[in-house]
C-alpha atoms as a PDB file:
ATOM      1  CA  MET A   1      63.491  71.780 -49.359  1.00  0.00           C
ATOM      2  CA  THR A   2      61.975  70.810 -45.996  1.00  0.00           C
ATOM      3  CA  SER A   3      63.370  68.786 -43.575  1.00  0.00           C
ATOM      4  CA  ALA A   4      61.629  65.496 -42.191  1.00  0.00           C
ATOM      5  CA  THR A   5      63.365  65.857 -38.723  1.00  0.00           C
ATOM      6  CA  PRO A   6      61.172  67.242 -36.091  1.00  0.00           C
ATOM      7  CA  GLY A   7      61.493  69.598 -34.316  1.00  0.00           C
ATOM      8  CA  PRO A   8      62.910  69.972 -31.132  1.00  0.00           C
ATOM      9  CA  ALA A   9      59.418  70.622 -29.551  1.00  0.00           C
ATOM     10  CA  ARG A  10      58.439  67.055 -31.351  1.00  0.00           C
ATOM     11  CA  VAL A  11      61.677  65.264 -30.196  1.00  0.00           C
ATOM     12  CA  LEU A  12      61.791  65.739 -26.646  1.00  0.00           C
ATOM     13  CA  GLY A  13      57.495  65.863 -26.193  1.00  0.00           C
ATOM     14  CA  ALA A  14      57.475  69.226 -24.724  1.00  0.00           C
ATOM     15  CA  GLY A  15      53.637  71.053 -24.418  1.00  0.00           C
ATOM     16  CA  THR A  16      51.601  71.044 -22.111  1.00  0.00           C
ATOM     17  CA  PRO A  17      51.779  68.151 -19.499  1.00  0.00           C
ATOM     18  CA  SER A  18      49.264  66.347 -18.415  1.00  0.00           C
ATOM     19  CA  ARG A  19      48.353  66.777 -14.893  1.00  0.00           C
ATOM     20  CA  PRO A  20      47.091  64.100 -12.109  1.00  0.00           C
ATOM     21  CA  ALA A  21      43.234  63.793 -11.285  1.00  0.00           C
ATOM     22  CA  SER A  22      42.324  65.977  -8.206  1.00  0.00           C
ATOM     23  CA  TRP A  23      42.466  64.322  -5.065  1.00  0.00           C
ATOM     24  CA  PRO A  24      38.393  63.689  -4.768  1.00  0.00           C
ATOM     25  CA  ALA A  25      38.383  62.590  -7.835  1.00  0.00           C
ATOM     26  CA  MET A  26      41.297  60.283  -7.613  1.00  0.00           C
ATOM     27  CA  ALA A  27      39.598  59.151  -3.997  1.00  0.00           C
ATOM     28  CA  VAL A  28      36.202  58.137  -5.541  1.00  0.00           C
ATOM     29  CA  ALA A  29      37.457  56.580  -8.173  1.00  0.00           C
ATOM     30  CA  LEU A  30      39.902  54.104  -6.038  1.00  0.00           C
ATOM     31  CA  ALA A  31      36.714  53.825  -3.726  1.00  0.00           C
ATOM     32  CA  ALA A  32      34.324  52.691  -6.668  1.00  0.00           C
ATOM     33  CA  HIS A  33      37.066  50.683  -7.375  1.00  0.00           C
ATOM     34  CA  GLU A  34      37.817  49.255  -4.028  1.00  0.00           C
ATOM     35  CA  VAL A  35      33.880  48.520  -4.247  1.00  0.00           C
ATOM     36  CA  ARG A  36      33.905  46.574  -7.608  1.00  0.00           C
ATOM     37  CA  LEU A  37      36.734  44.436  -6.200  1.00  0.00           C
ATOM     38  CA  GLY A  38      34.546  43.496  -2.926  1.00  0.00           C
ATOM     39  CA  LEU A  39      31.254  42.558  -5.180  1.00  0.00           C
ATOM     40  CA  ARG A  40      33.411  40.020  -6.987  1.00  0.00           C
ATOM     41  CA  ARG A  41      35.049  38.093  -4.231  1.00  0.00           C
ATOM     42  CA  GLY A  42      32.834  35.469  -3.237  1.00  0.00           C
ATOM     43  CA  GLU A  43      34.526  35.150  -0.006  1.00  0.00           C
ATOM     44  CA  ALA A  44      34.035  38.902   0.869  1.00  0.00           C
ATOM     45  CA  LEU A  45      30.041  38.690   0.122  1.00  0.00           C
ATOM     46  CA  LEU A  46      29.596  35.417   2.157  1.00  0.00           C
ATOM     47  CA  ILE A  47      31.435  37.152   5.661  1.00  0.00           C
ATOM     48  CA  THR A  48      30.124  40.504   5.150  1.00  0.00           C
ATOM     49  CA  TYR A  49      25.983  40.178   4.060  1.00  0.00           C
ATOM     50  CA  VAL A  50      25.239  36.026   3.669  1.00  0.00           C
ATOM     51  CA  ILE A  51      26.484  35.706   7.515  1.00  0.00           C
ATOM     52  CA  PRO A  52      24.878  38.366   9.529  1.00  0.00           C
ATOM     53  CA  VAL A  53      21.712  37.648   7.617  1.00  0.00           C
ATOM     54  CA  GLY A  54      21.763  34.481   8.198  1.00  0.00           C
ATOM     55  CA  VAL A  55      22.470  34.864  11.617  1.00  0.00           C
ATOM     56  CA  LEU A  56      20.009  37.459  12.338  1.00  0.00           C
ATOM     57  CA  LEU A  57      17.017  35.077  10.403  1.00  0.00           C
ATOM     58  CA  VAL A  58      18.249  31.541  11.805  1.00  0.00           C
ATOM     59  CA  PHE A  59      18.682  32.494  15.541  1.00  0.00           C
ATOM     60  CA  SER A  60      15.830  35.345  15.427  1.00  0.00           C
ATOM     61  CA  ALA A  61      13.574  31.898  14.643  1.00  0.00           C
ATOM     62  CA  PHE A  62      15.133  29.798  17.458  1.00  0.00           C
ATOM     63  CA  GLY A  63      16.381  32.253  20.084  1.00  0.00           C
ATOM     64  CA  PRO A  64      20.235  32.600  20.623  1.00  0.00           C
ATOM     65  CA  ILE A  65      22.100  29.851  21.911  1.00  0.00           C
ATOM     66  CA  GLY A  66      21.447  29.384  25.472  1.00  0.00           C
ATOM     67  CA  ALA A  67      18.876  32.186  25.934  1.00  0.00           C
ATOM     68  CA  GLY A  68      15.669  31.517  27.748  1.00  0.00           C
ATOM     69  CA  ALA A  69      12.635  32.840  27.190  1.00  0.00           C
ATOM     70  CA  GLY A  70      11.663  36.124  27.505  1.00  0.00           C
ATOM     71  CA  GLU A  71      11.376  39.152  24.667  1.00  0.00           C
ATOM     72  CA  ASP A  72      11.437  38.507  20.936  1.00  0.00           C
ATOM     73  CA  PRO A  73      14.769  37.348  19.878  1.00  0.00           C
ATOM     74  CA  VAL A  74      15.019  39.965  16.806  1.00  0.00           C
ATOM     75  CA  ASN A  75      15.282  42.783  19.822  1.00  0.00           C
ATOM     76  CA  ASP A  76      18.488  40.705  20.936  1.00  0.00           C
ATOM     77  CA  LEU A  77      19.790  39.549  17.721  1.00  0.00           C
ATOM     78  CA  LEU A  78      19.591  43.003  15.297  1.00  0.00           C
ATOM     79  CA  PRO A  79      22.582  44.284  17.186  1.00  0.00           C
ATOM     80  CA  GLY A  80      24.632  41.424  17.423  1.00  0.00           C
ATOM     81  CA  ALA A  81      23.806  40.959  13.513  1.00  0.00           C
ATOM     82  CA  ILE A  82      24.854  44.641  12.591  1.00  0.00           C
ATOM     83  CA  CYS A  83      28.141  44.416  14.591  1.00  0.00           C
ATOM     84  CA  LEU A  84      28.940  41.247  12.922  1.00  0.00           C
ATOM     85  CA  ALA A  85      28.376  42.902   9.621  1.00  0.00           C
ATOM     86  CA  VAL A  86      30.592  45.311  10.783  1.00  0.00           C
ATOM     87  CA  ILE A  87      33.105  43.046  11.775  1.00  0.00           C
ATOM     88  CA  GLY A  88      32.993  41.711   8.463  1.00  0.00           C
ATOM     89  CA  ALA A  89      33.038  44.799   6.166  1.00  0.00           C
ATOM     90  CA  ALA A  90      35.902  46.726   8.179  1.00  0.00           C
ATOM     91  CA  PHE A  91      38.115  44.167   9.480  1.00  0.00           C
ATOM     92  CA  VAL A  92      37.836  40.824   7.486  1.00  0.00           C
ATOM     93  CA  ALA A  93      37.139  42.009   4.036  1.00  0.00           C
ATOM     94  CA  LEU A  94      39.698  44.989   4.744  1.00  0.00           C
ATOM     95  CA  ALA A  95      42.628  43.074   6.407  1.00  0.00           C
ATOM     96  CA  ILE A  96      42.202  40.418   3.631  1.00  0.00           C
ATOM     97  CA  ALA A  97      41.951  42.226   0.579  1.00  0.00           C
ATOM     98  CA  THR A  98      44.611  44.364   1.976  1.00  0.00           C
ATOM     99  CA  GLY A  99      47.262  41.959   3.075  1.00  0.00           C
ATOM    100  CA  PHE A 100      47.303  40.421  -0.291  1.00  0.00           C
ATOM    101  CA  GLU A 101      47.163  44.292  -2.611  1.00  0.00           C
ATOM    102  CA  ARG A 102      50.301  44.451  -0.165  1.00  0.00           C
ATOM    103  CA  GLN A 103      52.072  41.568  -0.816  1.00  0.00           C
ATOM    104  CA  TYR A 104      51.772  41.997  -4.706  1.00  0.00           C
ATOM    105  CA  GLY A 105      53.393  45.645  -3.904  1.00  0.00           C
ATOM    106  CA  VAL A 106      49.857  47.455  -5.374  1.00  0.00           C
ATOM    107  CA  ILE A 107      49.545  49.202  -2.253  1.00  0.00           C
ATOM    108  CA  LYS A 108      53.426  50.480  -2.680  1.00  0.00           C
ATOM    109  CA  ARG A 109      52.738  51.697  -6.299  1.00  0.00           C
ATOM    110  CA  LEU A 110      49.817  53.333  -5.266  1.00  0.00           C
ATOM    111  CA  GLY A 111      51.732  55.058  -2.231  1.00  0.00           C
ATOM    112  CA  GLY A 112      54.338  56.292  -4.712  1.00  0.00           C
ATOM    113  CA  SER A 113      52.018  57.345  -7.007  1.00  0.00           C
ATOM    114  CA  PRO A 114      50.329  61.025  -7.387  1.00  0.00           C
ATOM    115  CA  ALA A 115      47.399  59.653  -5.150  1.00  0.00           C
ATOM    116  CA  GLY A 116      49.703  58.964  -2.160  1.00  0.00           C
ATOM    117  CA  ALA A 117      49.147  57.166   0.759  1.00  0.00           C
ATOM    118  CA  SER A 118      45.830  59.801   2.356  1.00  0.00           C
ATOM    119  CA  VAL A 119      43.873  58.863  -1.525  1.00  0.00           C
ATOM    120  CA  VAL A 120      44.277  55.529  -0.620  1.00  0.00           C
ATOM    121  CA  VAL A 121      43.347  55.630   3.337  1.00  0.00           C
ATOM    122  CA  ALA A 122      40.159  58.139   2.195  1.00  0.00           C
ATOM    123  CA  ALA A 123      39.209  55.284  -0.445  1.00  0.00           C
ATOM    124  CA  LYS A 124      39.522  52.633   1.833  1.00  0.00           C
ATOM    125  CA  SER A 125      37.585  54.502   4.554  1.00  0.00           C
ATOM    126  CA  ALA A 126      34.889  55.181   1.532  1.00  0.00           C
ATOM    127  CA  SER A 127      34.452  51.711   0.542  1.00  0.00           C
ATOM    128  CA  VAL A 128      34.292  50.521   4.192  1.00  0.00           C
ATOM    129  CA  VAL A 129      31.229  53.134   4.851  1.00  0.00           C
ATOM    130  CA  LEU A 130      29.548  52.546   1.627  1.00  0.00           C
ATOM    131  CA  VAL A 131      29.330  48.596   2.452  1.00  0.00           C
ATOM    132  CA  GLU A 132      28.087  49.218   5.851  1.00  0.00           C
ATOM    133  CA  LEU A 133      25.134  50.970   4.817  1.00  0.00           C
ATOM    134  CA  VAL A 134      24.225  48.731   2.461  1.00  0.00           C
ATOM    135  CA  GLN A 135      24.371  46.470   5.427  1.00  0.00           C
ATOM    136  CA  LEU A 136      22.886  48.317   7.556  1.00  0.00           C
ATOM    137  CA  VAL A 137      19.313  49.246   5.088  1.00  0.00           C
ATOM    138  CA  LEU A 138      19.751  45.058   4.669  1.00  0.00           C
ATOM    139  CA  LEU A 139      19.584  43.952   7.905  1.00  0.00           C
ATOM    140  CA  VAL A 140      16.925  46.574   9.399  1.00  0.00           C
ATOM    141  CA  GLY A 141      14.845  45.729   6.460  1.00  0.00           C
ATOM    142  CA  ILE A 142      14.634  42.529   7.018  1.00  0.00           C
ATOM    143  CA  ALA A 143      14.347  43.132  10.796  1.00  0.00           C
ATOM    144  CA  THR A 144      11.283  45.298  10.495  1.00  0.00           C
ATOM    145  CA  LEU A 145       9.778  43.603   7.229  1.00  0.00           C
ATOM    146  CA  VAL A 146      10.158  40.055   7.482  1.00  0.00           C
ATOM    147  CA  LEU A 147      10.485  39.572  11.865  1.00  0.00           C
ATOM    148  CA  GLY A 148       7.995  42.730  12.800  1.00  0.00           C
ATOM    149  CA  TRP A 149      11.063  44.386  14.845  1.00  0.00           C
ATOM    150  CA  ALA A 150      10.645  48.300  16.331  1.00  0.00           C
ATOM    151  CA  ALA A 151      13.342  50.527  17.776  1.00  0.00           C
ATOM    152  CA  GLY A 152      12.753  50.396  21.405  1.00  0.00           C
ATOM    153  CA  PRO A 153      11.060  53.190  23.663  1.00  0.00           C
ATOM    154  CA  THR A 154      14.591  54.718  24.637  1.00  0.00           C
ATOM    155  CA  ALA A 155      15.906  53.997  21.386  1.00  0.00           C
ATOM    156  CA  SER A 156      18.396  56.893  20.400  1.00  0.00           C
ATOM    157  CA  ALA A 157      20.213  57.948  17.324  1.00  0.00           C
ATOM    158  CA  PRO A 158      23.289  59.748  18.347  1.00  0.00           C
ATOM    159  CA  VAL A 159      24.505  56.634  20.744  1.00  0.00           C
ATOM    160  CA  THR A 160      23.907  53.835  17.837  1.00  0.00           C
ATOM    161  CA  LEU A 161      25.975  56.222  15.328  1.00  0.00           C
ATOM    162  CA  ALA A 162      28.382  56.506  17.512  1.00  0.00           C
ATOM    163  CA  ALA A 163      28.669  53.144  18.242  1.00  0.00           C
ATOM    164  CA  LEU A 164      28.632  52.546  14.173  1.00  0.00           C
ATOM    165  CA  VAL A 165      31.563  54.987  13.946  1.00  0.00           C
ATOM    166  CA  LEU A 166      33.949  53.516  16.646  1.00  0.00           C
ATOM    167  CA  GLY A 167      33.449  50.375  15.954  1.00  0.00           C
ATOM    168  CA  THR A 168      34.415  50.322  12.603  1.00  0.00           C
ATOM    169  CA  VAL A 169      37.390  52.154  13.356  1.00  0.00           C
ATOM    170  CA  ALA A 170      38.282  49.802  15.691  1.00  0.00           C
ATOM    171  CA  PHE A 171      37.853  47.205  13.726  1.00  0.00           C
ATOM    172  CA  ALA A 172      39.522  48.876  10.778  1.00  0.00           C
ATOM    173  CA  GLY A 173      42.177  49.582  12.747  1.00  0.00           C
ATOM    174  CA  LEU A 174      42.729  45.669  13.292  1.00  0.00           C
ATOM    175  CA  GLY A 175      42.319  44.766   9.939  1.00  0.00           C
ATOM    176  CA  LEU A 176      45.246  46.962   9.024  1.00  0.00           C
ATOM    177  CA  LEU A 177      47.820  46.055  11.553  1.00  0.00           C
ATOM    178  CA  LEU A 178      47.226  42.369  10.943  1.00  0.00           C
ATOM    179  CA  ALA A 179      47.461  43.112   6.981  1.00  0.00           C
ATOM    180  CA  GLY A 180      50.667  45.899   7.606  1.00  0.00           C
ATOM    181  CA  THR A 181      52.544  43.229   9.430  1.00  0.00           C
ATOM    182  CA  LEU A 182      51.921  39.874   8.321  1.00  0.00           C
ATOM    183  CA  ARG A 183      52.300  37.544   5.536  1.00  0.00           C
ATOM    184  CA  ALA A 184      48.781  37.450   3.217  1.00  0.00           C
ATOM    185  CA  GLU A 185      48.237  34.240   3.781  1.00  0.00           C
ATOM    186  CA  ALA A 186      48.203  34.736   7.516  1.00  0.00           C
ATOM    187  CA  THR A 187      45.947  37.106   7.737  1.00  0.00           C
ATOM    188  CA  LEU A 188      43.432  35.603   5.388  1.00  0.00           C
ATOM    189  CA  ALA A 189      43.750  32.768   8.224  1.00  0.00           C
ATOM    190  CA  LEU A 190      43.828  34.747  11.290  1.00  0.00           C
ATOM    191  CA  ALA A 191      41.499  37.235   9.912  1.00  0.00           C
ATOM    192  CA  ASN A 192      38.640  33.797   9.302  1.00  0.00           C
ATOM    193  CA  LEU A 193      39.953  32.690  12.640  1.00  0.00           C
ATOM    194  CA  LEU A 194      39.154  35.811  14.648  1.00  0.00           C
ATOM    195  CA  PHE A 195      35.533  36.425  12.926  1.00  0.00           C
ATOM    196  CA  LEU A 196      34.469  32.920  14.424  1.00  0.00           C
ATOM    197  CA  VAL A 197      35.636  33.756  17.995  1.00  0.00           C
ATOM    198  CA  PHE A 198      34.483  37.091  17.264  1.00  0.00           C
ATOM    199  CA  LEU A 199      30.690  35.497  16.674  1.00  0.00           C
ATOM    200  CA  VAL A 200      30.840  33.835  19.926  1.00  0.00           C
ATOM    201  CA  LEU A 201      32.699  36.080  22.177  1.00  0.00           C
ATOM    202  CA  GLY A 202      30.918  39.531  21.178  1.00  0.00           C
ATOM    203  CA  GLY A 203      27.367  38.643  22.614  1.00  0.00           C
ATOM    204  CA  ILE A 204      26.291  37.814  19.434  1.00  0.00           C
ATOM    205  CA  VAL A 205      24.825  34.624  19.300  1.00  0.00           C
ATOM    206  CA  VAL A 206      25.454  32.991  22.786  1.00  0.00           C
ATOM    207  CA  PRO A 207      24.401  36.018  25.750  1.00  0.00           C
ATOM    208  CA  LEU A 208      28.033  36.924  27.639  1.00  0.00           C
ATOM    209  CA  ASP A 209      26.319  35.139  30.798  1.00  0.00           C
ATOM    210  CA  ARG A 210      26.093  32.147  29.506  1.00  0.00           C
ATOM    211  CA  LEU A 211      29.809  31.724  28.983  1.00  0.00           C
ATOM    212  CA  PRO A 212      32.413  30.880  32.306  1.00  0.00           C
ATOM    213  CA  ASP A 213      32.982  33.171  34.264  1.00  0.00           C
ATOM    214  CA  ALA A 214      36.729  34.253  33.491  1.00  0.00           C
ATOM    215  CA  VAL A 215      35.808  33.370  29.634  1.00  0.00           C
ATOM    216  CA  GLU A 216      32.282  36.320  30.093  1.00  0.00           C
ATOM    217  CA  ALA A 217      35.104  38.785  32.165  1.00  0.00           C
ATOM    218  CA  VAL A 218      37.276  38.780  28.532  1.00  0.00           C
ATOM    219  CA  ALA A 219      34.678  38.959  26.465  1.00  0.00           C
ATOM    220  CA  GLY A 220      33.210  41.916  28.131  1.00  0.00           C
ATOM    221  CA  VAL A 221      36.157  44.566  27.182  1.00  0.00           C
ATOM    222  CA  LEU A 222      36.692  43.186  23.770  1.00  0.00           C
ATOM    223  CA  PRO A 223      35.504  45.697  20.681  1.00  0.00           C
ATOM    224  CA  PRO A 224      32.737  42.953  19.624  1.00  0.00           C
ATOM    225  CA  ALA A 225      30.983  42.878  22.954  1.00  0.00           C
ATOM    226  CA  ALA A 226      31.114  46.536  23.328  1.00  0.00           C
ATOM    227  CA  LEU A 227      30.066  47.625  20.119  1.00  0.00           C
ATOM    228  CA  THR A 228      27.050  44.718  20.639  1.00  0.00           C
ATOM    229  CA  GLU A 229      26.285  46.180  23.998  1.00  0.00           C
ATOM    230  CA  ALA A 230      26.399  49.352  22.560  1.00  0.00           C
ATOM    231  CA  LEU A 231      23.746  48.965  19.817  1.00  0.00           C
ATOM    232  CA  ALA A 232      21.601  47.220  21.738  1.00  0.00           C
ATOM    233  CA  ILE A 233      21.256  50.667  23.823  1.00  0.00           C
ATOM    234  CA  GLY A 234      21.089  52.738  21.236  1.00  0.00           C
ATOM    235  CA  LEU A 235      18.394  50.632  19.308  1.00  0.00           C
ATOM    236  CA  GLY A 236      16.177  50.800  22.455  1.00  0.00           C
ATOM    237  CA  HIS A 237      16.336  47.114  24.294  1.00  0.00           C
ATOM    238  CA  LEU A 238      18.841  47.429  26.443  1.00  0.00           C
ATOM    239  CA  GLN A 239      18.552  49.574  29.308  1.00  0.00           C
ATOM    240  CA  GLY A 240      21.853  51.624  30.413  1.00  0.00           C
ATOM    241  CA  ASP A 241      23.948  53.803  30.320  1.00  0.00           C
ATOM    242  CA  ALA A 242      25.853  53.898  27.094  1.00  0.00           C
ATOM    243  CA  GLY A 243      28.985  56.007  28.112  1.00  0.00           C
ATOM    244  CA  PRO A 244      31.316  53.564  29.318  1.00  0.00           C
ATOM    245  CA  VAL A 245      30.916  51.342  26.875  1.00  0.00           C
ATOM    246  CA  LEU A 246      31.163  53.917  24.138  1.00  0.00           C
ATOM    247  CA  ALA A 247      34.286  54.773  26.280  1.00  0.00           C
ATOM    248  CA  LEU A 248      35.575  51.521  26.068  1.00  0.00           C
ATOM    249  CA  LEU A 249      34.896  51.229  22.259  1.00  0.00           C
ATOM    250  CA  ALA A 250      37.047  54.495  22.069  1.00  0.00           C
ATOM    251  CA  GLY A 251      39.767  53.599  23.606  1.00  0.00           C
ATOM    252  CA  TRP A 252      40.113  50.168  20.882  1.00  0.00           C
ATOM    253  CA  ALA A 253      40.240  52.269  18.502  1.00  0.00           C
ATOM    254  CA  VAL A 254      42.296  54.859  19.209  1.00  0.00           C
ATOM    255  CA  VAL A 255      45.125  51.888  20.743  1.00  0.00           C
ATOM    256  CA  LEU A 256      44.521  49.765  17.178  1.00  0.00           C
ATOM    257  CA  VAL A 257      44.412  52.707  15.222  1.00  0.00           C
ATOM    258  CA  VAL A 258      47.954  54.322  16.312  1.00  0.00           C
ATOM    259  CA  LEU A 259      49.017  50.329  16.669  1.00  0.00           C
ATOM    260  CA  ALA A 260      48.327  50.090  12.762  1.00  0.00           C
ATOM    261  CA  GLY A 261      49.751  53.528  11.627  1.00  0.00           C
ATOM    262  CA  TRP A 262      53.098  52.362  13.939  1.00  0.00           C
ATOM    263  CA  ARG A 263      53.114  48.733  12.525  1.00  0.00           C
ATOM    264  CA  PHE A 264      51.813  49.156   8.741  1.00  0.00           C
ATOM    265  CA  ARG A 265      54.225  48.070   6.401  1.00  0.00           C
ATOM    266  CA  TRP A 266      54.046  49.369   3.032  1.00  0.00           C
ATOM    267  CA  ASP A 267      56.034  46.156   1.581  1.00  0.00           C
END
């Protein structure tokens, strides 16, 4: 007579253990999840797409605030609109999403899972880059097809790419610094406030030389103005040496990433 009691292997659950997915597969899956969540957040869509496009269209029609008559306004507005898009994706959206994930314990659980911290960082980085690529295509497409923009004779793809990379790293470092040290509600409020401050102090809709001298001096060394200037040089509508401004951006990127890594708390 056969016993109904299961054998030891069945009792202990012995057999081939399941293995976690590969590192690239986990990173891709988590990055796709980050992008899907971003598409569901109305405030993220507003910050990353609607406002940069609106700034480009509205102020290209009327010119930057306080600007005199001169060349086509779109030449001045496109670098600023791209800068604003980078701030929205790499700073505001990243800071707010990470802040609430940290508060709800999501970040801590992911860090302790087989994915680990490296997958979390890679996935968030990939999602930001993907969003920025869409933003870049959208803004340059609108500027070219709707507003008649064309790159200047001194345009430089390496300078533009370097500006985008360094600016993204700097603003992502700032976003993670806020998200990793403050409560989610404080991160939400401060990130949105800084977005408005950067809109004014970044040379985006108000030329820096129209600001009070003391404010201009401070704004000129902050990441938004540095990124806008580097992009203007890279797109060929501002004459100048890109080296110093790219060095300034690189310095901000290093400082902010180091601070974020030092101060970030997982819970």
